[in-house]
PDB file of N, CA and C in Angstrom:
ATOM      1  N   UNK A   1     -14.161   2.932  12.868  1.00  0.00           N
ATOM      2  CA  UNK A   1     -15.491   2.379  12.695  1.00  0.00           C
ATOM      3  C   UNK A   1     -15.698   1.328  13.786  1.00  0.00           C
ATOM      4  N   UNK A   2     -16.805   1.439  14.482  1.00  0.00           N
ATOM      5  CA  UNK A   2     -17.048   0.495  15.581  1.00  0.00           C
ATOM      6  C   UNK A   2     -17.637  -0.822  15.053  1.00  0.00           C
ATOM      7  N   UNK A   3     -17.701  -1.799  15.931  1.00  0.00           N
ATOM      8  CA  UNK A   3     -18.154  -3.145  15.568  1.00  0.00           C
ATOM      9  C   UNK A   3     -19.585  -3.140  15.022  1.00  0.00           C
ATOM     10  N   UNK A   4     -20.445  -2.343  15.610  1.00  0.00           N
ATOM     11  CA  UNK A   4     -21.828  -2.271  15.162  1.00  0.00           C
ATOM     12  C   UNK A   4     -21.922  -1.733  13.728  1.00  0.00           C
ATOM     13  N   UNK A   5     -21.145  -0.702  13.432  1.00  0.00           N
ATOM     14  CA  UNK A   5     -21.138  -0.136  12.078  1.00  0.00           C
ATOM     15  C   UNK A   5     -20.592  -1.140  11.068  1.00  0.00           C
ATOM     16  N   UNK A   6     -19.516  -1.838  11.454  1.00  0.00           N
ATOM     17  CA  UNK A   6     -18.964  -2.871  10.574  1.00  0.00           C
ATOM     18  C   UNK A   6     -19.989  -3.972  10.327  1.00  0.00           C
ATOM     19  N   UNK A   7     -20.673  -4.371  11.364  1.00  0.00           N
ATOM     20  CA  UNK A   7     -21.679  -5.418  11.242  1.00  0.00           C
ATOM     21  C   UNK A   7     -22.758  -5.023  10.237  1.00  0.00           C
ATOM     22  N   UNK A   8     -23.208  -3.787  10.308  1.00  0.00           N
ATOM     23  CA  UNK A   8     -24.226  -3.300   9.377  1.00  0.00           C
ATOM     24  C   UNK A   8     -23.710  -3.351   7.946  1.00  0.00           C
ATOM     25  N   UNK A   9     -22.469  -2.870   7.738  1.00  0.00           N
ATOM     26  CA  UNK A   9     -21.889  -2.861   6.397  1.00  0.00           C
ATOM     27  C   UNK A   9     -21.728  -4.271   5.843  1.00  0.00           C
ATOM     28  N   UNK A  10     -21.220  -5.184   6.671  1.00  0.00           N
ATOM     29  CA  UNK A  10     -21.036  -6.559   6.215  1.00  0.00           C
ATOM     30  C   UNK A  10     -22.372  -7.223   5.899  1.00  0.00           C
ATOM     31  N   UNK A  11     -23.370  -6.962   6.716  1.00  0.00           N
ATOM     32  CA  UNK A  11     -24.691  -7.544   6.461  1.00  0.00           C
ATOM     33  C   UNK A  11     -25.312  -6.973   5.190  1.00  0.00           C
ATOM     34  N   UNK A  12     -25.002  -5.721   4.875  1.00  0.00           N
ATOM     35  CA  UNK A  12     -25.542  -5.114   3.666  1.00  0.00           C
ATOM     36  C   UNK A  12     -24.969  -5.747   2.399  1.00  0.00           C
ATOM     37  N   UNK A  13     -23.688  -6.113   2.425  1.00  0.00           N
ATOM     38  CA  UNK A  13     -23.119  -6.693   1.203  1.00  0.00           C
ATOM     39  C   UNK A  13     -23.603  -8.118   0.968  1.00  0.00           C
ATOM     40  N   UNK A  14     -24.016  -8.785   2.028  1.00  0.00           N
ATOM     41  CA  UNK A  14     -24.493 -10.165   1.891  1.00  0.00           C
ATOM     42  C   UNK A  14     -25.945 -10.281   2.334  1.00  0.00           C
ATOM     43  N   UNK A  15     -26.745  -9.289   2.017  1.00  0.00           N
ATOM     44  CA  UNK A  15     -28.134  -9.247   2.448  1.00  0.00           C
ATOM     45  C   UNK A  15     -28.929 -10.453   1.947  1.00  0.00           C
ATOM     46  N   UNK A  16     -28.510 -11.016   0.811  1.00  0.00           N
ATOM     47  CA  UNK A  16     -29.268 -12.112   0.216  1.00  0.00           C
ATOM     48  C   UNK A  16     -28.769 -13.495   0.645  1.00  0.00           C
ATOM     49  N   UNK A  17     -27.830 -13.528   1.590  1.00  0.00           N
ATOM     50  CA  UNK A  17     -27.309 -14.793   2.122  1.00  0.00           C
ATOM     51  C   UNK A  17     -27.417 -14.771   3.639  1.00  0.00           C
ATOM     52  N   UNK A  18     -27.601 -15.925   4.198  1.00  0.00           N
ATOM     53  CA  UNK A  18     -27.682 -16.038   5.654  1.00  0.00           C
ATOM     54  C   UNK A  18     -26.296 -16.424   6.193  1.00  0.00           C
ATOM     55  N   UNK A  19     -25.362 -15.461   6.105  1.00  0.00           N
ATOM     56  CA  UNK A  19     -23.989 -15.685   6.548  1.00  0.00           C
ATOM     57  C   UNK A  19     -23.750 -14.793   7.758  1.00  0.00           C
ATOM     58  N   UNK A  20     -23.384 -15.369   8.882  1.00  0.00           N
ATOM     59  CA  UNK A  20     -23.148 -14.560  10.085  1.00  0.00           C
ATOM     60  C   UNK A  20     -22.008 -13.559   9.894  1.00  0.00           C
ATOM     61  N   UNK A  21     -22.205 -12.386  10.428  1.00  0.00           N
ATOM     62  CA  UNK A  21     -21.183 -11.334  10.369  1.00  0.00           C
ATOM     63  C   UNK A  21     -19.888 -11.819  10.993  1.00  0.00           C
ATOM     64  N   UNK A  22     -19.990 -12.637  12.027  1.00  0.00           N
ATOM     65  CA  UNK A  22     -18.780 -13.157  12.687  1.00  0.00           C
ATOM     66  C   UNK A  22     -17.959 -14.017  11.729  1.00  0.00           C
ATOM     67  N   UNK A  23     -18.604 -14.720  10.818  1.00  0.00           N
ATOM     68  CA  UNK A  23     -17.881 -15.512   9.818  1.00  0.00           C
ATOM     69  C   UNK A  23     -17.153 -14.599   8.833  1.00  0.00           C
ATOM     70  N   UNK A  24     -17.787 -13.504   8.453  1.00  0.00           N
ATOM     71  CA  UNK A  24     -17.152 -12.552   7.534  1.00  0.00           C
ATOM     72  C   UNK A  24     -15.901 -11.971   8.185  1.00  0.00           C
ATOM     73  N   UNK A  25     -16.030 -11.546   9.432  1.00  0.00           N
ATOM     74  CA  UNK A  25     -14.871 -11.021  10.176  1.00  0.00           C
ATOM     75  C   UNK A  25     -13.774 -12.068  10.268  1.00  0.00           C
ATOM     76  N   UNK A  26     -14.140 -13.308  10.554  1.00  0.00           N
ATOM     77  CA  UNK A  26     -13.157 -14.382  10.699  1.00  0.00           C
ATOM     78  C   UNK A  26     -12.426 -14.649   9.386  1.00  0.00           C
ATOM     79  N   UNK A  27     -13.114 -14.540   8.269  1.00  0.00           N
ATOM     80  CA  UNK A  27     -12.465 -14.709   6.966  1.00  0.00           C
ATOM     81  C   UNK A  27     -11.432 -13.600   6.762  1.00  0.00           C
ATOM     82  N   UNK A  28     -11.808 -12.363   7.058  1.00  0.00           N
ATOM     83  CA  UNK A  28     -10.861 -11.259   6.878  1.00  0.00           C
ATOM     84  C   UNK A  28      -9.678 -11.347   7.833  1.00  0.00           C
ATOM     85  N   UNK A  29      -9.865 -11.924   9.009  1.00  0.00           N
ATOM     86  CA  UNK A  29      -8.761 -12.106   9.960  1.00  0.00           C
ATOM     87  C   UNK A  29      -7.930 -13.345   9.643  1.00  0.00           C
ATOM     88  N   UNK A  30      -8.373 -14.140   8.674  1.00  0.00           N
ATOM     89  CA  UNK A  30      -7.636 -15.332   8.288  1.00  0.00           C
ATOM     90  C   UNK A  30      -7.874 -16.521   9.204  1.00  0.00           C
ATOM     91  N   UNK A  31      -8.916 -16.466  10.018  1.00  0.00           N
ATOM     92  CA  UNK A  31      -9.211 -17.547  10.954  1.00  0.00           C
ATOM     93  C   UNK A  31      -9.949 -18.703  10.303  1.00  0.00           C
ATOM     94  N   UNK A  32     -10.730 -18.405   9.269  1.00  0.00           N
ATOM     95  CA  UNK A  32     -11.422 -19.442   8.505  1.00  0.00           C
ATOM     96  C   UNK A  32     -11.297 -19.079   7.022  1.00  0.00           C
ATOM     97  N   UNK A  33     -11.341 -20.078   6.132  1.00  0.00           N
ATOM     98  CA  UNK A  33     -11.143 -19.773   4.713  1.00  0.00           C
ATOM     99  C   UNK A  33     -12.374 -19.226   3.990  1.00  0.00           C
ATOM    100  N   UNK A  34     -13.561 -19.577   4.470  1.00  0.00           N
ATOM    101  CA  UNK A  34     -14.788 -19.187   3.771  1.00  0.00           C
ATOM    102  C   UNK A  34     -15.873 -18.712   4.726  1.00  0.00           C
ATOM    103  N   UNK A  35     -16.660 -17.761   4.238  1.00  0.00           N
ATOM    104  CA  UNK A  35     -17.914 -17.357   4.889  1.00  0.00           C
ATOM    105  C   UNK A  35     -18.978 -17.701   3.853  1.00  0.00           C
ATOM    106  N   UNK A  36     -19.736 -18.759   4.111  1.00  0.00           N
ATOM    107  CA  UNK A  36     -20.603 -19.277   3.055  1.00  0.00           C
ATOM    108  C   UNK A  36     -19.700 -19.784   1.946  1.00  0.00           C
ATOM    109  N   UNK A  37     -19.899 -19.303   0.731  1.00  0.00           N
ATOM    110  CA  UNK A  37     -19.023 -19.689  -0.378  1.00  0.00           C
ATOM    111  C   UNK A  37     -18.028 -18.581  -0.742  1.00  0.00           C
ATOM    112  N   UNK A  38     -17.930 -17.542   0.092  1.00  0.00           N
ATOM    113  CA  UNK A  38     -17.056 -16.394  -0.172  1.00  0.00           C
ATOM    114  C   UNK A  38     -15.714 -16.510   0.544  1.00  0.00           C
ATOM    115  N   UNK A  39     -14.622 -16.311  -0.203  1.00  0.00           N
ATOM    116  CA  UNK A  39     -13.302 -16.197   0.412  1.00  0.00           C
ATOM    117  C   UNK A  39     -12.980 -14.707   0.618  1.00  0.00           C
ATOM    118  N   UNK A  40     -11.813 -14.397   1.163  1.00  0.00           N
ATOM    119  CA  UNK A  40     -11.434 -13.005   1.459  1.00  0.00           C
ATOM    120  C   UNK A  40     -11.517 -12.102   0.232  1.00  0.00           C
ATOM    121  N   UNK A  41     -11.003 -12.600  -0.893  1.00  0.00           N
ATOM    122  CA  UNK A  41     -10.922 -11.773  -2.092  1.00  0.00           C
ATOM    123  C   UNK A  41     -12.297 -11.522  -2.699  1.00  0.00           C
ATOM    124  N   UNK A  42     -13.169 -12.518  -2.641  1.00  0.00           N
ATOM    125  CA  UNK A  42     -14.531 -12.342  -3.138  1.00  0.00           C
ATOM    126  C   UNK A  42     -15.295 -11.339  -2.269  1.00  0.00           C
ATOM    127  N   UNK A  43     -15.125 -11.436  -0.956  1.00  0.00           N
ATOM    128  CA  UNK A  43     -15.784 -10.481  -0.055  1.00  0.00           C
ATOM    129  C   UNK A  43     -15.244  -9.070  -0.275  1.00  0.00           C
ATOM    130  N   UNK A  44     -13.934  -8.960  -0.434  1.00  0.00           N
ATOM    131  CA  UNK A  44     -13.332  -7.644  -0.659  1.00  0.00           C
ATOM    132  C   UNK A  44     -13.854  -7.031  -1.962  1.00  0.00           C
ATOM    133  N   UNK A  45     -13.979  -7.841  -3.004  1.00  0.00           N
ATOM    134  CA  UNK A  45     -14.512  -7.332  -4.271  1.00  0.00           C
ATOM    135  C   UNK A  45     -15.934  -6.805  -4.090  1.00  0.00           C
ATOM    136  N   UNK A  46     -16.755  -7.536  -3.333  1.00  0.00           N
ATOM    137  CA  UNK A  46     -18.117  -7.057  -3.071  1.00  0.00           C
ATOM    138  C   UNK A  46     -18.096  -5.719  -2.337  1.00  0.00           C
ATOM    139  N   UNK A  47     -17.166  -5.570  -1.417  1.00  0.00           N
ATOM    140  CA  UNK A  47     -17.045  -4.309  -0.679  1.00  0.00           C
ATOM    141  C   UNK A  47     -16.622  -3.185  -1.615  1.00  0.00           C
ATOM    142  N   UNK A  48     -15.658  -3.459  -2.506  1.00  0.00           N
ATOM    143  CA  UNK A  48     -15.220  -2.444  -3.470  1.00  0.00           C
ATOM    144  C   UNK A  48     -16.371  -1.991  -4.357  1.00  0.00           C
ATOM    145  N   UNK A  49     -17.228  -2.929  -4.731  1.00  0.00           N
ATOM    146  CA  UNK A  49     -18.342  -2.611  -5.622  1.00  0.00           C
ATOM    147  C   UNK A  49     -19.503  -1.925  -4.906  1.00  0.00           C
ATOM    148  N   UNK A  50     -19.495  -1.980  -3.580  1.00  0.00           N
ATOM    149  CA  UNK A  50     -20.635  -1.482  -2.817  1.00  0.00           C
ATOM    150  C   UNK A  50     -20.370  -0.146  -2.126  1.00  0.00           C
ATOM    151  N   UNK A  51     -19.168   0.051  -1.605  1.00  0.00           N
ATOM    152  CA  UNK A  51     -18.903   1.203  -0.744  1.00  0.00           C
ATOM    153  C   UNK A  51     -17.890   2.172  -1.334  1.00  0.00           C
ATOM    154  N   UNK A  52     -17.996   3.438  -0.946  1.00  0.00           N
ATOM    155  CA  UNK A  52     -17.012   4.434  -1.404  1.00  0.00           C
ATOM    156  C   UNK A  52     -15.648   4.216  -0.734  1.00  0.00           C
ATOM    157  N   UNK A  53     -14.638   4.785  -1.346  1.00  0.00           N
ATOM    158  CA  UNK A  53     -13.258   4.659  -0.884  1.00  0.00           C
ATOM    159  C   UNK A  53     -13.105   5.042   0.588  1.00  0.00           C
ATOM    160  N   UNK A  54     -13.756   6.104   1.012  1.00  0.00           N
ATOM    161  CA  UNK A  54     -13.645   6.547   2.408  1.00  0.00           C
ATOM    162  C   UNK A  54     -14.086   5.448   3.375  1.00  0.00           C
ATOM    163  N   UNK A  55     -15.132   4.744   3.038  1.00  0.00           N
ATOM    164  CA  UNK A  55     -15.621   3.650   3.885  1.00  0.00           C
ATOM    165  C   UNK A  55     -14.631   2.489   3.893  1.00  0.00           C
ATOM    166  N   UNK A  56     -14.082   2.178   2.739  1.00  0.00           N
ATOM    167  CA  UNK A  56     -13.109   1.089   2.643  1.00  0.00           C
ATOM    168  C   UNK A  56     -11.893   1.383   3.521  1.00  0.00           C
ATOM    169  N   UNK A  57     -11.462   2.634   3.547  1.00  0.00           N
ATOM    170  CA  UNK A  57     -10.331   3.020   4.396  1.00  0.00           C
ATOM    171  C   UNK A  57     -10.648   2.873   5.880  1.00  0.00           C
ATOM    172  N   UNK A  58     -11.912   2.939   6.248  1.00  0.00           N
ATOM    173  CA  UNK A  58     -12.293   2.736   7.639  1.00  0.00           C
ATOM    174  C   UNK A  58     -12.362   1.253   8.001  1.00  0.00           C
ATOM    175  N   UNK A  59     -12.588   0.424   7.008  1.00  0.00           N
ATOM    176  CA  UNK A  59     -12.693  -1.021   7.246  1.00  0.00           C
ATOM    177  C   UNK A  59     -11.329  -1.715   7.246  1.00  0.00           C
ATOM    178  N   UNK A  60     -10.398  -1.210   6.436  1.00  0.00           N
ATOM    179  CA  UNK A  60      -9.110  -1.878   6.238  1.00  0.00           C
ATOM    180  C   UNK A  60      -7.959  -0.882   6.321  1.00  0.00           C
ATOM    181  N   UNK A  61      -6.819  -1.380   6.751  1.00  0.00           N
ATOM    182  CA  UNK A  61      -5.604  -0.557   6.736  1.00  0.00           C
ATOM    183  C   UNK A  61      -5.089  -0.499   5.298  1.00  0.00           C
ATOM    184  N   UNK A  62      -4.243   0.489   4.990  1.00  0.00           N
ATOM    185  CA  UNK A  62      -3.656   0.524   3.645  1.00  0.00           C
ATOM    186  C   UNK A  62      -2.891  -0.759   3.294  1.00  0.00           C
ATOM    187  N   UNK A  63      -2.218  -1.351   4.261  1.00  0.00           N
ATOM    188  CA  UNK A  63      -1.495  -2.605   3.996  1.00  0.00           C
ATOM    189  C   UNK A  63      -2.454  -3.748   3.681  1.00  0.00           C
ATOM    190  N   UNK A  64      -3.580  -3.807   4.386  1.00  0.00           N
ATOM    191  CA  UNK A  64      -4.584  -4.837   4.096  1.00  0.00           C
ATOM    192  C   UNK A  64      -5.167  -4.630   2.700  1.00  0.00           C
ATOM    193  N   UNK A  65      -5.427  -3.378   2.357  1.00  0.00           N
ATOM    194  CA  UNK A  65      -5.955  -3.075   1.023  1.00  0.00           C
ATOM    195  C   UNK A  65      -4.946  -3.497  -0.031  1.00  0.00           C
ATOM    196  N   UNK A  66      -3.671  -3.187   0.201  1.00  0.00           N
ATOM    197  CA  UNK A  66      -2.629  -3.566  -0.757  1.00  0.00           C
ATOM    198  C   UNK A  66      -2.604  -5.083  -0.955  1.00  0.00           C
ATOM    199  N   UNK A  67      -2.757  -5.826   0.115  1.00  0.00           N
ATOM    200  CA  UNK A  67      -2.752  -7.292   0.036  1.00  0.00           C
ATOM    201  C   UNK A  67      -3.974  -7.825  -0.714  1.00  0.00           C
ATOM    202  N   UNK A  68      -5.128  -7.235  -0.456  1.00  0.00           N
ATOM    203  CA  UNK A  68      -6.382  -7.735  -1.026  1.00  0.00           C
ATOM    204  C   UNK A  68      -6.660  -7.225  -2.436  1.00  0.00           C
ATOM    205  N   UNK A  69      -6.072  -6.091  -2.793  1.00  0.00           N
ATOM    206  CA  UNK A  69      -6.361  -5.463  -4.086  1.00  0.00           C
ATOM    207  C   UNK A  69      -5.450  -6.051  -5.161  1.00  0.00           C
ATOM    208  N   UNK A  70      -5.754  -7.269  -5.547  1.00  0.00           N
ATOM    209  CA  UNK A  70      -4.953  -7.969  -6.549  1.00  0.00           C
ATOM    210  C   UNK A  70      -5.473  -7.645  -7.950  1.00  0.00           C
ATOM    211  N   UNK A  71      -4.661  -7.953  -8.936  1.00  0.00           N
ATOM    212  CA  UNK A  71      -5.092  -7.771 -10.329  1.00  0.00           C
ATOM    213  C   UNK A  71      -6.329  -8.609 -10.620  1.00  0.00           C
ATOM    214  N   UNK A  72      -6.388  -9.806 -10.049  1.00  0.00           N
ATOM    215  CA  UNK A  72      -7.552 -10.674 -10.256  1.00  0.00           C
ATOM    216  C   UNK A  72      -8.821 -10.044  -9.691  1.00  0.00           C
ATOM    217  N   UNK A  73      -8.739  -9.457  -8.512  1.00  0.00           N
ATOM    218  CA  UNK A  73      -9.892  -8.780  -7.907  1.00  0.00           C
ATOM    219  C   UNK A  73     -10.326  -7.621  -8.797  1.00  0.00           C
ATOM    220  N   UNK A  74      -9.362  -6.833  -9.249  1.00  0.00           N
ATOM    221  CA  UNK A  74      -9.682  -5.669 -10.091  1.00  0.00           C
ATOM    222  C   UNK A  74     -10.340  -6.108 -11.398  1.00  0.00           C
ATOM    223  N   UNK A  75      -9.799  -7.146 -12.027  1.00  0.00           N
ATOM    224  CA  UNK A  75     -10.351  -7.631 -13.302  1.00  0.00           C
ATOM    225  C   UNK A  75     -11.786  -8.108 -13.163  1.00  0.00           C
ATOM    226  N   UNK A  76     -12.170  -8.572 -11.980  1.00  0.00           N
ATOM    227  CA  UNK A  76     -13.521  -9.104 -11.772  1.00  0.00           C
ATOM    228  C   UNK A  76     -14.535  -8.045 -11.362  1.00  0.00           C
ATOM    229  N   UNK A  77     -14.086  -6.803 -11.151  1.00  0.00           N
ATOM    230  CA  UNK A  77     -15.041  -5.732 -10.847  1.00  0.00           C
ATOM    231  C   UNK A  77     -15.955  -5.550 -12.054  1.00  0.00           C
ATOM    232  N   UNK A  78     -17.238  -5.422 -11.809  1.00  0.00           N
ATOM    233  CA  UNK A  78     -18.217  -5.366 -12.900  1.00  0.00           C
ATOM    234  C   UNK A  78     -18.227  -4.034 -13.637  1.00  0.00           C
ATOM    235  N   UNK A  79     -17.864  -2.947 -12.970  1.00  0.00           N
ATOM    236  CA  UNK A  79     -17.963  -1.621 -13.571  1.00  0.00           C
ATOM    237  C   UNK A  79     -16.582  -1.182 -14.079  1.00  0.00           C
ATOM    238  N   UNK A  80     -16.466  -0.901 -15.378  1.00  0.00           N
ATOM    239  CA  UNK A  80     -15.168  -0.509 -15.937  1.00  0.00           C
ATOM    240  C   UNK A  80     -14.515   0.683 -15.236  1.00  0.00           C
ATOM    241  N   UNK A  81     -15.308   1.668 -14.841  1.00  0.00           N
ATOM    242  CA  UNK A  81     -14.717   2.833 -14.168  1.00  0.00           C
ATOM    243  C   UNK A  81     -14.124   2.448 -12.810  1.00  0.00           C
ATOM    244  N   UNK A  82     -14.729   1.471 -12.132  1.00  0.00           N
ATOM    245  CA  UNK A  82     -14.158   0.987 -10.870  1.00  0.00           C
ATOM    246  C   UNK A  82     -12.850   0.243 -11.112  1.00  0.00           C
ATOM    247  N   UNK A  83     -12.798  -0.527 -12.193  1.00  0.00           N
ATOM    248  CA  UNK A  83     -11.550  -1.226 -12.523  1.00  0.00           C
ATOM    249  C   UNK A  83     -10.426  -0.223 -12.737  1.00  0.00           C
ATOM    250  N   UNK A  84     -10.719   0.821 -13.464  1.00  0.00           N
ATOM    251  CA  UNK A  84      -9.710   1.861 -13.730  1.00  0.00           C
ATOM    252  C   UNK A  84      -9.304   2.552 -12.428  1.00  0.00           C
ATOM    253  N   UNK A  85     -10.280   2.897 -11.600  1.00  0.00           N
ATOM    254  CA  UNK A  85     -10.016   3.580 -10.321  1.00  0.00           C
ATOM    255  C   UNK A  85      -9.142   2.721  -9.411  1.00  0.00           C
ATOM    256  N   UNK A  86      -9.478   1.453  -9.282  1.00  0.00           N
ATOM    257  CA  UNK A  86      -8.744   0.609  -8.353  1.00  0.00           C
ATOM    258  C   UNK A  86      -7.405   0.129  -8.912  1.00  0.00           C
ATOM    259  N   UNK A  87      -7.248   0.139 -10.216  1.00  0.00           N
ATOM    260  CA  UNK A  87      -5.919  -0.115 -10.786  1.00  0.00           C
ATOM    261  C   UNK A  87      -4.986   1.034 -10.400  1.00  0.00           C
ATOM    262  N   UNK A  88      -5.503   2.263 -10.446  1.00  0.00           N
ATOM    263  CA  UNK A  88      -4.721   3.421 -10.016  1.00  0.00           C
ATOM    264  C   UNK A  88      -4.377   3.317  -8.529  1.00  0.00           C
ATOM    265  N   UNK A  89      -5.353   2.954  -7.708  1.00  0.00           N
ATOM    266  CA  UNK A  89      -5.122   2.801  -6.264  1.00  0.00           C
ATOM    267  C   UNK A  89      -4.047   1.748  -6.018  1.00  0.00           C
ATOM    268  N   UNK A  90      -4.143   0.632  -6.712  1.00  0.00           N
ATOM    269  CA  UNK A  90      -3.159  -0.448  -6.560  1.00  0.00           C
ATOM    270  C   UNK A  90      -1.751   0.070  -6.880  1.00  0.00           C
ATOM    271  N   UNK A  91      -1.615   0.784  -7.967  1.00  0.00           N
ATOM    272  CA  UNK A  91      -0.304   1.328  -8.350  1.00  0.00           C
ATOM    273  C   UNK A  91       0.229   2.300  -7.304  1.00  0.00           C
ATOM    274  N   UNK A  92      -0.629   3.163  -6.813  1.00  0.00           N
ATOM    275  CA  UNK A  92      -0.205   4.145  -5.796  1.00  0.00           C
ATOM    276  C   UNK A  92       0.209   3.451  -4.506  1.00  0.00           C
ATOM    277  N   UNK A  93      -0.543   2.454  -4.078  1.00  0.00           N
ATOM    278  CA  UNK A  93      -0.179   1.730  -2.862  1.00  0.00           C
ATOM    279  C   UNK A  93       1.172   1.043  -3.021  1.00  0.00           C
ATOM    280  N   UNK A  94       1.461   0.521  -4.196  1.00  0.00           N
ATOM    281  CA  UNK A  94       2.751  -0.118  -4.441  1.00  0.00           C
ATOM    282  C   UNK A  94       3.888   0.902  -4.360  1.00  0.00           C
ATOM    283  N   UNK A  95       3.584   2.147  -4.700  1.00  0.00           N
ATOM    284  CA  UNK A  95       4.602   3.197  -4.652  1.00  0.00           C
ATOM    285  C   UNK A  95       4.873   3.670  -3.222  1.00  0.00           C
ATOM    286  N   UNK A  96       3.834   3.703  -2.399  1.00  0.00           N
ATOM    287  CA  UNK A  96       3.991   4.300  -1.059  1.00  0.00           C
ATOM    288  C   UNK A  96       4.165   3.293   0.070  1.00  0.00           C
ATOM    289  N   UNK A  97       3.809   2.036  -0.165  1.00  0.00           N
ATOM    290  CA  UNK A  97       3.978   1.010   0.866  1.00  0.00           C
ATOM    291  C   UNK A  97       5.017   0.018   0.364  1.00  0.00           C
ATOM    292  N   UNK A  98       6.144  -0.077   1.052  1.00  0.00           N
ATOM    293  CA  UNK A  98       7.184  -0.993   0.585  1.00  0.00           C
ATOM    294  C   UNK A  98       6.715  -2.438   0.660  1.00  0.00           C
ATOM    295  N   UNK A  99       7.196  -3.234  -0.274  1.00  0.00           N
ATOM    296  CA  UNK A  99       6.897  -4.662  -0.262  1.00  0.00           C
ATOM    297  C   UNK A  99       7.524  -5.305   0.962  1.00  0.00           C
ATOM    298  N   UNK A 100       6.918  -6.369   1.430  1.00  0.00           N
ATOM    299  CA  UNK A 100       7.483  -7.124   2.545  1.00  0.00           C
ATOM    300  C   UNK A 100       8.835  -7.667   2.112  1.00  0.00           C
ATOM    301  N   UNK A 101       9.830  -7.470   2.944  1.00  0.00           N
ATOM    302  CA  UNK A 101      11.170  -7.939   2.635  1.00  0.00           C
ATOM    303  C   UNK A 101      12.043  -6.876   2.002  1.00  0.00           C
ATOM    304  N   UNK A 102      11.500  -5.711   1.677  1.00  0.00           N
ATOM    305  CA  UNK A 102      12.300  -4.623   1.105  1.00  0.00           C
ATOM    306  C   UNK A 102      13.120  -3.927   2.162  1.00  0.00           C
TER     307      UNK A 102
END
């Protein structure tokens, strides 16, 4: 996914806030802690609630998804079917991607 496509996607999830796309990218890269009032996990949750799995795989590596897809993020998803879906994804990622230090 190119930068322009990412910019469009990021702007769509925060359409109601005046938060620069560069701040969103910087939060995901760990360069700054917040974009507006959103941290990495809050932004990731918004992405999970907005985009299909195929799009998420284009935005993040499986290792990044494993890091961001915490139980807390899953519990805060508004749609029960999404919580169930992403709990399964979390379990599968734990099976196929070794933990750091293993």
